[in-house]
Amino acid sequence: MSDDTLSELPLVWLPFDPAELGDPPRGLRYEVVDPTREVPDSVADVAYYVTPYQLGSSVTDVLPRMSSLQVVQTLTAGVDSVRPDVPAGVTLCSGRGIHDASTAELALTLILASLRGVPGFVRDHDRHQWNQQWYPALADRHVLIVGYGAIGEAIEARLQPFEVTITKVARTAREGVHPIAELPDLLSSADVVVLIVPLTDETRGLVDADFLTRLRDGALLVNVSRGPVVDQDALVAELRTGRITAAVDVSDPEPLPSSSPLWDAPGLLISPHVGGTSSAMWPRAHRLVRDQLHRFAAGEPLANVVEH
């Protein structure tokens, strides 16, 4: 194929080597670009933009310069930080499915570590202390999954071998799943509440003081969704009573400032938003992008399309 003919093909910007796709479709041309670091002169030719794996406006600052843009493909399951900046007429696709396994693993890790006192073991290890205590098990607990989508399903699958009872909540009711309108009445029966909702106007501040006071004594709250879903001041206040515990992989803002009262809140385990960052991510990201590009090249409907 001549250089002139190649230059006429739709341009795809990837944050990784196209060889990672296995069999990238013909009929497209590829460049490996991270526009948060450098923007090549080809920016006006980009038809399909696969964003770097990070949150924030830094990945969308380049969009006004992409005059040929047709599709923005994120590698994040949530698109709340990208959606407002995507121009009208451009298709936005999420990374739904990429992080199911990884995030579900972390959710289970946070639950088990919190219940079985692992943070205390680490601190005792550093102090060379041997402290034996009784801890609650996950077995026989009632787990409430709030935001039962693809990741919620993956969390459920990993919880089932632990002999738990599971209640599922989503935005709308379906067989076996409660609507979110029923959530207030479900909270008092749950031993563990896992948050995996998308960040929307409806879910921002969902976990407020009223939500927290409805939790039973000894309940564990686990947030693997987005930081603004939880009113952090209300959470800190409730944790200081010693009535509940919590584990969060997300905060507001991120990174969490060293001055945040969350760091010193009792009964809280914090991980630095690493739900999706594991070895399980990239094989799934490569498969999704490959399948999407084959659809794009063939003129077929894309998956994971998000309204904006």
C-alpha atoms as a PDB file:
ATOM      1  CA  MET A   1       0.000   0.000   0.000  1.00  0.00           C
ATOM      2  CA  SER A   2       1.424   3.400  -1.009  1.00  0.00           C
ATOM      3  CA  ASP A   3       1.983   6.162   1.508  1.00  0.00           C
ATOM      4  CA  ASP A   4      -0.722   8.230  -0.197  1.00  0.00           C
ATOM      5  CA  THR A   5      -3.243   5.410   0.054  1.00  0.00           C
ATOM      6  CA  LEU A   6      -2.289   4.716   3.680  1.00  0.00           C
ATOM      7  CA  SER A   7      -2.756   8.361   4.601  1.00  0.00           C
ATOM      8  CA  GLU A   8      -6.364   8.177   3.421  1.00  0.00           C
ATOM      9  CA  LEU A   9      -7.270   5.430   5.895  1.00  0.00           C
ATOM     10  CA  PRO A  10      -9.040   6.400   9.159  1.00  0.00           C
ATOM     11  CA  LEU A  11      -6.487   7.096  11.870  1.00  0.00           C
ATOM     12  CA  VAL A  12      -6.619   5.361  15.268  1.00  0.00           C
ATOM     13  CA  TRP A  13      -4.711   6.656  18.277  1.00  0.00           C
ATOM     14  CA  LEU A  14      -3.832   3.901  20.733  1.00  0.00           C
ATOM     15  CA  PRO A  15      -2.142   4.137  24.147  1.00  0.00           C
ATOM     16  CA  PHE A  16      -0.358   0.824  23.448  1.00  0.00           C
ATOM     17  CA  ASP A  17       1.353  -0.997  20.563  1.00  0.00           C
ATOM     18  CA  PRO A  18      -1.228  -2.191  17.992  1.00  0.00           C
ATOM     19  CA  ALA A  19       0.564  -5.550  18.013  1.00  0.00           C
ATOM     20  CA  GLU A  20      -1.058  -6.107  21.415  1.00  0.00           C
ATOM     21  CA  LEU A  21      -4.402  -6.363  19.618  1.00  0.00           C
ATOM     22  CA  GLY A  22      -3.347  -9.658  18.024  1.00  0.00           C
ATOM     23  CA  ASP A  23      -5.154  -9.099  14.733  1.00  0.00           C
ATOM     24  CA  PRO A  24      -5.877  -5.385  14.286  1.00  0.00           C
ATOM     25  CA  PRO A  25      -8.242  -4.836  11.378  1.00  0.00           C
ATOM     26  CA  ARG A  26      -6.936  -3.756   8.035  1.00  0.00           C
ATOM     27  CA  GLY A  27      -8.352  -0.623   6.550  1.00  0.00           C
ATOM     28  CA  LEU A  28      -7.192   1.512   9.499  1.00  0.00           C
ATOM     29  CA  ARG A  29      -3.883   3.122  10.331  1.00  0.00           C
ATOM     30  CA  TYR A  30      -2.472   3.275  13.833  1.00  0.00           C
ATOM     31  CA  GLU A  31      -0.327   5.559  15.947  1.00  0.00           C
ATOM     32  CA  VAL A  32       0.743   5.035  19.551  1.00  0.00           C
ATOM     33  CA  VAL A  33       0.035   8.354  21.264  1.00  0.00           C
ATOM     34  CA  ASP A  34      -0.380   9.704  24.778  1.00  0.00           C
ATOM     35  CA  PRO A  35      -1.714  13.221  24.170  1.00  0.00           C
ATOM     36  CA  THR A  36      -1.324  14.089  27.853  1.00  0.00           C
ATOM     37  CA  ARG A  37       2.418  14.181  27.134  1.00  0.00           C
ATOM     38  CA  GLU A  38       2.728  15.172  23.482  1.00  0.00           C
ATOM     39  CA  VAL A  39       0.228  15.929  20.700  1.00  0.00           C
ATOM     40  CA  PRO A  40       1.447  14.942  17.211  1.00  0.00           C
ATOM     41  CA  ASP A  41       0.608  16.951  14.095  1.00  0.00           C
ATOM     42  CA  SER A  42      -1.764  14.137  13.035  1.00  0.00           C
ATOM     43  CA  VAL A  43      -4.278  15.223  15.693  1.00  0.00           C
ATOM     44  CA  ALA A  44      -6.713  16.611  13.108  1.00  0.00           C
ATOM     45  CA  ASP A  45      -6.833  13.241  11.314  1.00  0.00           C
ATOM     46  CA  VAL A  46      -7.810  11.095  14.300  1.00  0.00           C
ATOM     47  CA  ALA A  47     -11.059   9.211  13.703  1.00  0.00           C
ATOM     48  CA  TYR A  48     -10.920   6.758  16.639  1.00  0.00           C
ATOM     49  CA  TYR A  49      -9.310   7.860  19.902  1.00  0.00           C
ATOM     50  CA  VAL A  50      -8.547   5.280  22.592  1.00  0.00           C
ATOM     51  CA  THR A  51      -7.785   7.338  25.681  1.00  0.00           C
ATOM     52  CA  PRO A  52      -4.878   6.628  28.035  1.00  0.00           C
ATOM     53  CA  TYR A  53      -5.883   4.799  31.189  1.00  0.00           C
ATOM     54  CA  GLN A  54      -6.371   7.708  33.549  1.00  0.00           C
ATOM     55  CA  LEU A  55      -9.119   9.937  34.837  1.00  0.00           C
ATOM     56  CA  GLY A  56      -9.570  13.647  34.466  1.00  0.00           C
ATOM     57  CA  SER A  57      -9.641  16.315  31.801  1.00  0.00           C
ATOM     58  CA  SER A  58      -6.043  15.685  30.732  1.00  0.00           C
ATOM     59  CA  VAL A  59      -7.226  12.984  28.323  1.00  0.00           C
ATOM     60  CA  THR A  60      -9.929  15.203  26.833  1.00  0.00           C
ATOM     61  CA  ASP A  61      -8.022  18.484  26.492  1.00  0.00           C
ATOM     62  CA  VAL A  62      -7.035  17.370  22.993  1.00  0.00           C
ATOM     63  CA  LEU A  63     -10.602  16.773  21.757  1.00  0.00           C
ATOM     64  CA  PRO A  64     -11.234  20.268  20.317  1.00  0.00           C
ATOM     65  CA  ARG A  65      -8.268  19.719  17.974  1.00  0.00           C
ATOM     66  CA  MET A  66      -9.617  16.415  16.627  1.00  0.00           C
ATOM     67  CA  SER A  67     -11.663  17.738  13.713  1.00  0.00           C
ATOM     68  CA  SER A  68     -12.092  14.260  12.147  1.00  0.00           C
ATOM     69  CA  LEU A  69     -13.053  12.490  15.365  1.00  0.00           C
ATOM     70  CA  GLN A  70     -15.812   9.879  15.238  1.00  0.00           C
ATOM     71  CA  VAL A  71     -15.293   7.743  18.358  1.00  0.00           C
ATOM     72  CA  VAL A  72     -13.832   8.202  21.846  1.00  0.00           C
ATOM     73  CA  GLN A  73     -13.096   4.868  23.515  1.00  0.00           C
ATOM     74  CA  THR A  74     -12.172   4.932  27.200  1.00  0.00           C
ATOM     75  CA  LEU A  75     -10.338   2.218  29.081  1.00  0.00           C
ATOM     76  CA  THR A  76     -12.255   3.080  32.245  1.00  0.00           C
ATOM     77  CA  ALA A  77     -15.628   1.569  33.082  1.00  0.00           C
ATOM     78  CA  GLY A  78     -16.902   4.941  34.262  1.00  0.00           C
ATOM     79  CA  VAL A  79     -16.994   7.874  31.856  1.00  0.00           C
ATOM     80  CA  ASP A  80     -18.087  10.634  34.236  1.00  0.00           C
ATOM     81  CA  SER A  81     -14.767  12.493  33.888  1.00  0.00           C
ATOM     82  CA  VAL A  82     -14.851  12.305  30.069  1.00  0.00           C
ATOM     83  CA  ARG A  83     -18.513  12.559  29.097  1.00  0.00           C
ATOM     84  CA  PRO A  84     -18.939  16.364  29.430  1.00  0.00           C
ATOM     85  CA  ASP A  85     -16.062  17.059  27.026  1.00  0.00           C
ATOM     86  CA  VAL A  86     -17.038  14.734  24.165  1.00  0.00           C
ATOM     87  CA  PRO A  87     -18.371  16.820  21.251  1.00  0.00           C
ATOM     88  CA  ALA A  88     -21.887  16.321  19.932  1.00  0.00           C
ATOM     89  CA  GLY A  89     -21.945  13.838  17.100  1.00  0.00           C
ATOM     90  CA  VAL A  90     -18.967  11.889  18.432  1.00  0.00           C
ATOM     91  CA  THR A  91     -19.684   8.384  19.764  1.00  0.00           C
ATOM     92  CA  LEU A  92     -18.510   7.711  23.335  1.00  0.00           C
ATOM     93  CA  CYS A  93     -17.765   4.107  24.331  1.00  0.00           C
ATOM     94  CA  SER A  94     -16.837   2.957  27.821  1.00  0.00           C
ATOM     95  CA  GLY A  95     -14.403   0.278  28.919  1.00  0.00           C
ATOM     96  CA  ARG A  96     -17.215  -1.794  30.389  1.00  0.00           C
ATOM     97  CA  GLY A  97     -15.970  -5.319  30.982  1.00  0.00           C
ATOM     98  CA  ILE A  98     -12.275  -4.486  31.184  1.00  0.00           C
ATOM     99  CA  HIS A  99     -12.185  -4.165  34.965  1.00  0.00           C
ATOM    100  CA  ASP A 100     -14.823  -6.637  36.102  1.00  0.00           C
ATOM    101  CA  ALA A 101     -12.415  -9.316  37.334  1.00  0.00           C
ATOM    102  CA  SER A 102      -9.850  -6.941  38.797  1.00  0.00           C
ATOM    103  CA  THR A 103     -12.341  -4.730  40.649  1.00  0.00           C
ATOM    104  CA  ALA A 104     -14.270  -7.731  41.947  1.00  0.00           C
ATOM    105  CA  GLU A 105     -11.042  -9.200  43.317  1.00  0.00           C
ATOM    106  CA  LEU A 106     -10.238  -5.967  45.123  1.00  0.00           C
ATOM    107  CA  ALA A 107     -13.759  -5.680  46.542  1.00  0.00           C
ATOM    108  CA  LEU A 108     -13.416  -9.167  48.002  1.00  0.00           C
ATOM    109  CA  THR A 109      -9.923  -8.340  49.278  1.00  0.00           C
ATOM    110  CA  LEU A 110     -11.183  -5.224  51.063  1.00  0.00           C
ATOM    111  CA  ILE A 111     -14.068  -7.147  52.617  1.00  0.00           C
ATOM    112  CA  LEU A 112     -11.913  -9.984  53.906  1.00  0.00           C
ATOM    113  CA  ALA A 113      -9.058  -7.749  55.040  1.00  0.00           C
ATOM    114  CA  SER A 114     -11.431  -5.477  56.946  1.00  0.00           C
ATOM    115  CA  LEU A 115     -13.434  -8.226  58.614  1.00  0.00           C
ATOM    116  CA  ARG A 116     -10.450 -10.374  59.555  1.00  0.00           C
ATOM    117  CA  GLY A 117      -8.328  -7.504  60.901  1.00  0.00           C
ATOM    118  CA  VAL A 118      -5.509  -7.617  58.348  1.00  0.00           C
ATOM    119  CA  PRO A 119      -4.564  -3.916  58.724  1.00  0.00           C
ATOM    120  CA  GLY A 120      -4.011  -4.533  62.435  1.00  0.00           C
ATOM    121  CA  PHE A 121      -1.864  -7.578  61.657  1.00  0.00           C
ATOM    122  CA  VAL A 122       0.374  -5.445  59.446  1.00  0.00           C
ATOM    123  CA  ARG A 123       0.765  -2.795  62.148  1.00  0.00           C
ATOM    124  CA  ASP A 124       1.519  -5.458  64.761  1.00  0.00           C
ATOM    125  CA  HIS A 125       4.054  -6.994  62.376  1.00  0.00           C
ATOM    126  CA  ASP A 126       5.856  -3.661  62.103  1.00  0.00           C
ATOM    127  CA  ARG A 127       5.901  -3.412  65.922  1.00  0.00           C
ATOM    128  CA  HIS A 128       6.926  -7.081  66.335  1.00  0.00           C
ATOM    129  CA  GLN A 129       3.793  -7.718  68.401  1.00  0.00           C
ATOM    130  CA  TRP A 130       1.677 -10.879  68.632  1.00  0.00           C
ATOM    131  CA  ASN A 131      -1.990 -10.074  69.328  1.00  0.00           C
ATOM    132  CA  GLN A 132      -4.635 -12.781  69.063  1.00  0.00           C
ATOM    133  CA  GLN A 133      -8.281 -11.711  68.896  1.00  0.00           C
ATOM    134  CA  TRP A 134     -11.635 -12.898  67.612  1.00  0.00           C
ATOM    135  CA  TYR A 135     -12.731 -11.400  64.284  1.00  0.00           C
ATOM    136  CA  PRO A 136     -15.943 -11.624  62.283  1.00  0.00           C
ATOM    137  CA  ALA A 137     -15.929 -14.034  59.343  1.00  0.00           C
ATOM    138  CA  LEU A 138     -17.471 -13.374  55.961  1.00  0.00           C
ATOM    139  CA  ALA A 139     -19.314 -16.683  56.205  1.00  0.00           C
ATOM    140  CA  ASP A 140     -22.962 -16.375  57.221  1.00  0.00           C
ATOM    141  CA  ARG A 141     -23.036 -12.633  56.496  1.00  0.00           C
ATOM    142  CA  HIS A 142     -25.656 -10.751  54.500  1.00  0.00           C
ATOM    143  CA  VAL A 143     -24.030  -8.767  51.672  1.00  0.00           C
ATOM    144  CA  LEU A 144     -25.849  -5.953  49.878  1.00  0.00           C
ATOM    145  CA  ILE A 145     -24.471  -5.089  46.412  1.00  0.00           C
ATOM    146  CA  VAL A 146     -25.545  -1.574  45.432  1.00  0.00           C
ATOM    147  CA  GLY A 147     -25.131  -1.092  41.679  1.00  0.00           C
ATOM    148  CA  TYR A 148     -25.674  -4.546  40.246  1.00  0.00           C
ATOM    149  CA  GLY A 149     -24.180  -4.337  36.764  1.00  0.00           C
ATOM    150  CA  ALA A 150     -21.340  -6.266  35.151  1.00  0.00           C
ATOM    151  CA  ILE A 151     -18.887  -5.623  37.995  1.00  0.00           C
ATOM    152  CA  GLY A 152     -21.611  -6.324  40.534  1.00  0.00           C
ATOM    153  CA  GLU A 153     -22.156  -9.696  38.889  1.00  0.00           C
ATOM    154  CA  ALA A 154     -18.421 -10.412  39.092  1.00  0.00           C
ATOM    155  CA  ILE A 155     -18.409  -9.493  42.790  1.00  0.00           C
ATOM    156  CA  GLU A 156     -21.401 -11.764  43.405  1.00  0.00           C
ATOM    157  CA  ALA A 157     -19.670 -14.680  41.677  1.00  0.00           C
ATOM    158  CA  ARG A 158     -16.647 -14.325  43.952  1.00  0.00           C
ATOM    159  CA  LEU A 159     -18.765 -13.963  47.085  1.00  0.00           C
ATOM    160  CA  GLN A 160     -20.914 -17.042  46.544  1.00  0.00           C
ATOM    161  CA  PRO A 161     -18.330 -19.621  47.729  1.00  0.00           C
ATOM    162  CA  PHE A 162     -18.105 -17.811  51.081  1.00  0.00           C
ATOM    163  CA  GLU A 163     -21.522 -18.993  52.268  1.00  0.00           C
ATOM    164  CA  VAL A 164     -23.115 -15.563  52.297  1.00  0.00           C
ATOM    165  CA  THR A 165     -26.593 -14.255  51.577  1.00  0.00           C
ATOM    166  CA  ILE A 166     -26.614 -11.685  48.779  1.00  0.00           C
ATOM    167  CA  THR A 167     -29.149  -8.957  48.020  1.00  0.00           C
ATOM    168  CA  LYS A 168     -28.772  -6.979  44.781  1.00  0.00           C
ATOM    169  CA  VAL A 169     -29.837  -3.417  44.029  1.00  0.00           C
ATOM    170  CA  ALA A 170     -29.788  -1.545  40.710  1.00  0.00           C
ATOM    171  CA  ARG A 171     -31.287   1.619  39.312  1.00  0.00           C
ATOM    172  CA  THR A 172     -34.361  -0.259  38.119  1.00  0.00           C
ATOM    173  CA  ALA A 173     -35.890  -3.525  39.279  1.00  0.00           C
ATOM    174  CA  ARG A 174     -35.558  -6.789  37.400  1.00  0.00           C
ATOM    175  CA  GLU A 175     -35.841 -10.419  38.391  1.00  0.00           C
ATOM    176  CA  GLY A 176     -33.815 -10.954  41.542  1.00  0.00           C
ATOM    177  CA  VAL A 177     -32.732  -7.304  41.713  1.00  0.00           C
ATOM    178  CA  HIS A 178     -34.329  -4.592  43.866  1.00  0.00           C
ATOM    179  CA  PRO A 179     -34.780  -1.028  42.589  1.00  0.00           C
ATOM    180  CA  ILE A 180     -32.660   1.631  44.250  1.00  0.00           C
ATOM    181  CA  ALA A 181     -35.853   3.194  45.611  1.00  0.00           C
ATOM    182  CA  GLU A 182     -36.014   0.267  48.067  1.00  0.00           C
ATOM    183  CA  LEU A 183     -32.434   0.766  49.274  1.00  0.00           C
ATOM    184  CA  PRO A 184     -33.255   2.645  52.509  1.00  0.00           C
ATOM    185  CA  ASP A 185     -35.372  -0.284  53.722  1.00  0.00           C
ATOM    186  CA  LEU A 186     -32.665  -2.838  52.855  1.00  0.00           C
ATOM    187  CA  LEU A 187     -29.742  -1.234  54.653  1.00  0.00           C
ATOM    188  CA  SER A 188     -30.596  -2.271  58.201  1.00  0.00           C
ATOM    189  CA  SER A 189     -30.416  -5.988  57.376  1.00  0.00           C
ATOM    190  CA  ALA A 190     -26.976  -5.907  55.696  1.00  0.00           C
ATOM    191  CA  ASP A 191     -23.704  -6.830  57.362  1.00  0.00           C
ATOM    192  CA  VAL A 192     -21.639  -5.728  54.347  1.00  0.00           C
ATOM    193  CA  VAL A 193     -22.665  -3.042  51.822  1.00  0.00           C
ATOM    194  CA  VAL A 194     -20.665  -2.897  48.579  1.00  0.00           C
ATOM    195  CA  LEU A 195     -21.003   0.230  46.421  1.00  0.00           C
ATOM    196  CA  ILE A 196     -20.363  -0.197  42.688  1.00  0.00           C
ATOM    197  CA  VAL A 197     -22.726   2.412  41.218  1.00  0.00           C
ATOM    198  CA  PRO A 198     -21.704   4.789  38.413  1.00  0.00           C
ATOM    199  CA  LEU A 199     -21.296   8.432  39.354  1.00  0.00           C
ATOM    200  CA  THR A 200     -24.412  10.287  38.202  1.00  0.00           C
ATOM    201  CA  ASP A 201     -26.528  13.137  39.503  1.00  0.00           C
ATOM    202  CA  GLU A 202     -28.660  10.518  41.273  1.00  0.00           C
ATOM    203  CA  THR A 203     -25.747   8.720  42.968  1.00  0.00           C
ATOM    204  CA  ARG A 204     -23.629  11.715  43.943  1.00  0.00           C
ATOM    205  CA  GLY A 205     -23.869  11.894  47.736  1.00  0.00           C
ATOM    206  CA  LEU A 206     -25.989   8.727  47.837  1.00  0.00           C
ATOM    207  CA  VAL A 207     -24.258   7.637  51.024  1.00  0.00           C
ATOM    208  CA  ASP A 208     -25.132  10.491  53.359  1.00  0.00           C
ATOM    209  CA  ALA A 209     -25.708  10.706  57.102  1.00  0.00           C
ATOM    210  CA  ASP A 210     -29.182   9.176  56.803  1.00  0.00           C
ATOM    211  CA  PHE A 211     -27.844   6.245  54.760  1.00  0.00           C
ATOM    212  CA  LEU A 212     -25.109   5.600  57.316  1.00  0.00           C
ATOM    213  CA  THR A 213     -27.393   5.783  60.350  1.00  0.00           C
ATOM    214  CA  ARG A 214     -29.600   3.110  58.769  1.00  0.00           C
ATOM    215  CA  LEU A 215     -26.709   0.623  58.772  1.00  0.00           C
ATOM    216  CA  ARG A 216     -26.788  -1.942  61.547  1.00  0.00           C
ATOM    217  CA  ASP A 217     -24.180  -1.888  64.292  1.00  0.00           C
ATOM    218  CA  GLY A 218     -20.986  -3.597  63.116  1.00  0.00           C
ATOM    219  CA  ALA A 219     -21.778  -3.164  59.415  1.00  0.00           C
ATOM    220  CA  LEU A 220     -18.950  -2.783  56.875  1.00  0.00           C
ATOM    221  CA  LEU A 221     -19.252  -0.286  54.002  1.00  0.00           C
ATOM    222  CA  VAL A 222     -17.065  -0.926  50.937  1.00  0.00           C
ATOM    223  CA  ASN A 223     -16.789   1.690  48.179  1.00  0.00           C
ATOM    224  CA  VAL A 224     -15.272   0.572  44.856  1.00  0.00           C
ATOM    225  CA  SER A 225     -17.339   2.974  42.735  1.00  0.00           C
ATOM    226  CA  ARG A 226     -16.440   6.693  42.852  1.00  0.00           C
ATOM    227  CA  GLY A 227     -15.469   8.927  45.756  1.00  0.00           C
ATOM    228  CA  PRO A 228     -18.299  11.484  45.433  1.00  0.00           C
ATOM    229  CA  VAL A 229     -20.878   8.714  45.900  1.00  0.00           C
ATOM    230  CA  VAL A 230     -20.066   8.966  49.625  1.00  0.00           C
ATOM    231  CA  ASP A 231     -20.390  12.083  51.782  1.00  0.00           C
ATOM    232  CA  GLN A 232     -16.927  11.824  53.317  1.00  0.00           C
ATOM    233  CA  ASP A 233     -17.654  14.141  56.259  1.00  0.00           C
ATOM    234  CA  ALA A 234     -20.667  12.024  57.170  1.00  0.00           C
ATOM    235  CA  LEU A 235     -18.580   8.854  56.848  1.00  0.00           C
ATOM    236  CA  VAL A 236     -15.832  10.178  59.099  1.00  0.00           C
ATOM    237  CA  ALA A 237     -18.408  11.237  61.697  1.00  0.00           C
ATOM    238  CA  GLU A 238     -20.030   7.800  61.679  1.00  0.00           C
ATOM    239  CA  LEU A 239     -16.684   5.983  61.847  1.00  0.00           C
ATOM    240  CA  ARG A 240     -15.696   8.022  64.880  1.00  0.00           C
ATOM    241  CA  THR A 241     -18.639   6.571  66.779  1.00  0.00           C
ATOM    242  CA  GLY A 242     -17.102   3.117  66.320  1.00  0.00           C
ATOM    243  CA  ARG A 243     -20.477   1.765  65.244  1.00  0.00           C
ATOM    244  CA  ILE A 244     -19.462   0.751  61.689  1.00  0.00           C
ATOM    245  CA  THR A 245     -16.291   0.150  59.686  1.00  0.00           C
ATOM    246  CA  ALA A 246     -15.453   0.938  56.070  1.00  0.00           C
ATOM    247  CA  ALA A 247     -13.036   0.223  53.241  1.00  0.00           C
ATOM    248  CA  VAL A 248     -12.680   2.574  50.265  1.00  0.00           C
ATOM    249  CA  ASP A 249     -10.740   2.329  47.023  1.00  0.00           C
ATOM    250  CA  VAL A 250     -11.870   5.787  45.920  1.00  0.00           C
ATOM    251  CA  SER A 251     -12.005   9.253  47.439  1.00  0.00           C
ATOM    252  CA  ASP A 252     -12.900  12.833  46.628  1.00  0.00           C
ATOM    253  CA  PRO A 253     -10.553  14.311  45.571  1.00  0.00           C
ATOM    254  CA  GLU A 254      -7.932  11.934  44.261  1.00  0.00           C
ATOM    255  CA  PRO A 255      -5.161  11.638  45.216  1.00  0.00           C
ATOM    256  CA  LEU A 256      -6.422  11.965  48.763  1.00  0.00           C
ATOM    257  CA  PRO A 257      -4.662  14.965  50.410  1.00  0.00           C
ATOM    258  CA  SER A 258      -2.473  14.161  53.405  1.00  0.00           C
ATOM    259  CA  SER A 259      -4.606  16.567  55.451  1.00  0.00           C
ATOM    260  CA  SER A 260      -7.837  14.628  54.843  1.00  0.00           C
ATOM    261  CA  PRO A 261      -9.538  13.383  58.020  1.00  0.00           C
ATOM    262  CA  LEU A 262     -10.157  10.065  56.241  1.00  0.00           C
ATOM    263  CA  TRP A 263      -6.559   9.028  56.926  1.00  0.00           C
ATOM    264  CA  ASP A 264      -7.102   9.073  60.679  1.00  0.00           C
ATOM    265  CA  ALA A 265     -10.690   7.842  60.764  1.00  0.00           C
ATOM    266  CA  PRO A 266     -10.958   4.722  62.961  1.00  0.00           C
ATOM    267  CA  GLY A 267     -12.043   1.466  61.377  1.00  0.00           C
ATOM    268  CA  LEU A 268     -11.208   2.599  57.832  1.00  0.00           C
ATOM    269  CA  LEU A 269      -9.076   0.785  55.244  1.00  0.00           C
ATOM    270  CA  ILE A 270      -7.993   2.905  52.249  1.00  0.00           C
ATOM    271  CA  SER A 271      -6.569   1.666  48.960  1.00  0.00           C
ATOM    272  CA  PRO A 272      -5.400   4.239  46.349  1.00  0.00           C
ATOM    273  CA  HIS A 273      -7.933   3.591  43.527  1.00  0.00           C
ATOM    274  CA  VAL A 274      -6.330   0.384  42.318  1.00  0.00           C
ATOM    275  CA  GLY A 275      -9.507  -1.573  41.569  1.00  0.00           C
ATOM    276  CA  GLY A 276      -8.728  -1.741  37.866  1.00  0.00           C
ATOM    277  CA  THR A 277      -4.949  -1.678  37.924  1.00  0.00           C
ATOM    278  CA  SER A 278      -3.939  -5.317  37.952  1.00  0.00           C
ATOM    279  CA  SER A 279      -2.509  -7.832  35.488  1.00  0.00           C
ATOM    280  CA  ALA A 280      -6.087  -8.747  34.571  1.00  0.00           C
ATOM    281  CA  MET A 281      -6.709  -5.357  32.964  1.00  0.00           C
ATOM    282  CA  TRP A 282      -4.582  -5.297  29.827  1.00  0.00           C
ATOM    283  CA  PRO A 283      -5.606  -8.609  28.210  1.00  0.00           C
ATOM    284  CA  ARG A 284      -9.247  -7.565  28.579  1.00  0.00           C
ATOM    285  CA  ALA A 285      -8.536  -4.029  27.351  1.00  0.00           C
ATOM    286  CA  HIS A 286      -6.762  -5.356  24.273  1.00  0.00           C
ATOM    287  CA  ARG A 287      -9.641  -7.726  23.482  1.00  0.00           C
ATOM    288  CA  LEU A 288     -12.266  -5.005  23.847  1.00  0.00           C
ATOM    289  CA  VAL A 289     -10.397  -2.482  21.696  1.00  0.00           C
ATOM    290  CA  ARG A 290      -9.644  -5.119  19.052  1.00  0.00           C
ATOM    291  CA  ASP A 291     -13.309  -6.128  18.825  1.00  0.00           C
ATOM    292  CA  GLN A 292     -14.415  -2.492  18.729  1.00  0.00           C
ATOM    293  CA  LEU A 293     -11.997  -1.635  15.920  1.00  0.00           C
ATOM    294  CA  HIS A 294     -13.158  -4.622  13.872  1.00  0.00           C
ATOM    295  CA  ARG A 295     -16.725  -3.328  14.257  1.00  0.00           C
ATOM    296  CA  PHE A 296     -15.640   0.200  13.372  1.00  0.00           C
ATOM    297  CA  ALA A 297     -13.726  -0.902  10.275  1.00  0.00           C
ATOM    298  CA  ALA A 298     -16.699  -2.982   9.121  1.00  0.00           C
ATOM    299  CA  GLY A 299     -19.189  -0.201   9.744  1.00  0.00           C
ATOM    300  CA  GLU A 300     -20.971  -2.257  12.409  1.00  0.00           C
ATOM    301  CA  PRO A 301     -22.579  -0.896  15.617  1.00  0.00           C
ATOM    302  CA  LEU A 302     -20.112  -0.441  18.458  1.00  0.00           C
ATOM    303  CA  ALA A 303     -20.471  -1.934  21.944  1.00  0.00           C
ATOM    304  CA  ASN A 304     -20.556  -0.007  25.229  1.00  0.00           C
ATOM    305  CA  VAL A 305     -21.987   3.154  23.650  1.00  0.00           C
ATOM    306  CA  VAL A 306     -22.777   5.775  26.302  1.00  0.00           C
ATOM    307  CA  GLU A 307     -25.153   8.684  25.845  1.00  0.00           C
ATOM    308  CA  HIS A 308     -23.663  12.130  26.354  1.00  0.00           C
END
